[in-house]
C-alpha atoms as a PDB file:
ATOM      1  CA  MET A   1      37.289 124.349-146.985  1.00  0.00           C
ATOM      2  CA  PHE A   2      33.730 124.390-148.268  1.00  0.00           C
ATOM      3  CA  VAL A   3      31.685 121.277-149.040  1.00  0.00           C
ATOM      4  CA  LYS A   4      28.602 121.405-151.275  1.00  0.00           C
ATOM      5  CA  PHE A   5      25.393 119.632-150.234  1.00  0.00           C
ATOM      6  CA  THR A   6      21.725 119.854-151.267  1.00  0.00           C
ATOM      7  CA  SER A   7      18.991 121.294-149.046  1.00  0.00           C
ATOM      8  CA  PRO A   8      15.542 119.610-148.874  1.00  0.00           C
ATOM      9  CA  ASP A   9      14.162 122.213-151.315  1.00  0.00           C
ATOM     10  CA  ARG A  10      16.952 121.207-153.792  1.00  0.00           C
ATOM     11  CA  VAL A  11      18.957 124.409-153.371  1.00  0.00           C
ATOM     12  CA  PRO A  12      22.756 123.956-153.196  1.00  0.00           C
ATOM     13  CA  VAL A  13      24.251 124.585-149.749  1.00  0.00           C
ATOM     14  CA  ALA A  14      27.936 125.304-149.077  1.00  0.00           C
ATOM     15  CA  VAL A  15      29.226 124.307-145.641  1.00  0.00           C
ATOM     16  CA  ASN A  16      32.504 125.469-144.096  1.00  0.00           C
ATOM     17  CA  ALA A  17      33.795 122.140-142.747  1.00  0.00           C
ATOM     18  CA  THR A  18      35.937 123.807-140.075  1.00  0.00           C
ATOM     19  CA  GLN A  19      32.859 125.335-138.383  1.00  0.00           C
ATOM     20  CA  VAL A  20      30.794 122.139-137.992  1.00  0.00           C
ATOM     21  CA  SER A  21      30.184 121.291-134.338  1.00  0.00           C
ATOM     22  CA  PHE A  22      27.514 118.554-134.464  1.00  0.00           C
ATOM     23  CA  ILE A  23      25.776 116.308-137.026  1.00  0.00           C
ATOM     24  CA  SER A  24      22.511 114.422-136.494  1.00  0.00           C
ATOM     25  CA  CYS A  25      19.948 112.411-138.467  1.00  0.00           C
ATOM     26  CA  VAL A  26      16.554 114.012-139.053  1.00  0.00           C
ATOM     27  CA  THR A  27      13.510 113.007-141.093  1.00  0.00           C
ATOM     28  CA  GLU A  28      14.554 115.188-144.055  1.00  0.00           C
ATOM     29  CA  GLY A  29      18.172 113.919-144.131  1.00  0.00           C
ATOM     30  CA  THR A  30      21.044 115.229-141.989  1.00  0.00           C
ATOM     31  CA  ARG A  31      21.223 118.327-139.814  1.00  0.00           C
ATOM     32  CA  ILE A  32      24.619 120.028-139.675  1.00  0.00           C
ATOM     33  CA  ARG A  33      25.035 122.330-136.676  1.00  0.00           C
ATOM     34  CA  PHE A  34      27.434 125.198-136.154  1.00  0.00           C
ATOM     35  CA  GLY A  35      28.140 127.431-133.172  1.00  0.00           C
ATOM     36  CA  GLU A  36      25.652 130.022-131.896  1.00  0.00           C
ATOM     37  CA  GLY A  37      22.558 127.916-132.642  1.00  0.00           C
ATOM     38  CA  ARG A  38      22.963 127.934-136.421  1.00  0.00           C
ATOM     39  CA  SER A  39      22.194 124.814-138.475  1.00  0.00           C
ATOM     40  CA  VAL A  40      21.366 123.606-141.961  1.00  0.00           C
ATOM     41  CA  THR A  41      19.504 120.478-143.074  1.00  0.00           C
ATOM     42  CA  VAL A  42      20.702 118.589-146.143  1.00  0.00           C
ATOM     43  CA  VAL A  43      19.222 115.598-148.003  1.00  0.00           C
ATOM     44  CA  GLU A  44      22.438 113.539-148.053  1.00  0.00           C
ATOM     45  CA  PRO A  45      22.564 110.665-145.522  1.00  0.00           C
ATOM     46  CA  MET A  46      24.666 111.143-142.389  1.00  0.00           C
ATOM     47  CA  ASP A  47      27.408 108.696-143.431  1.00  0.00           C
ATOM     48  CA  GLU A  48      27.949 110.579-146.706  1.00  0.00           C
ATOM     49  CA  VAL A  49      28.023 113.944-144.908  1.00  0.00           C
ATOM     50  CA  ILE A  50      30.633 112.684-142.438  1.00  0.00           C
ATOM     51  CA  ASP A  51      32.741 111.163-145.204  1.00  0.00           C
ATOM     52  CA  ARG A  52      32.678 114.312-147.330  1.00  0.00           C
ATOM     53  CA  LEU A  53      33.472 116.598-144.381  1.00  0.00           C
ATOM     54  CA  ASN A  54      36.336 114.330-143.290  1.00  0.00           C
ATOM     55  CA  ARG A  55      37.854 114.355-146.781  1.00  0.00           C
ATOM     56  CA  THR A  56      38.224 118.149-146.701  1.00  0.00           C
ATOM     57  CA  GLY A  57      41.103 117.854-144.241  1.00  0.00           C
ATOM     58  CA  GLN A  58      43.103 115.373-146.329  1.00  0.00           C
ATOM     59  CA  LEU A  59      46.063 116.484-148.385  1.00  0.00           C
ATOM     60  CA  PRO A  60      46.172 115.428-152.042  1.00  0.00           C
ATOM     61  CA  GLU A  61      48.364 112.427-152.783  1.00  0.00           C
ATOM     62  CA  ILE A  62      51.642 113.148-154.548  1.00  0.00           C
END
């Protein structure tokens, strides 16, 4: 499942939530890390990033 964030230069960024391995705070916002040394920095605060990534695994209520 993909989650949309905003990069520091205001370009939309789509993140595959199942590939995230580490999240950390940085000056520009939040760095989302993936395997093999790949990462992306987004402007959303860490708590919002975690919340939005966690919601991708939830099933819709019936």
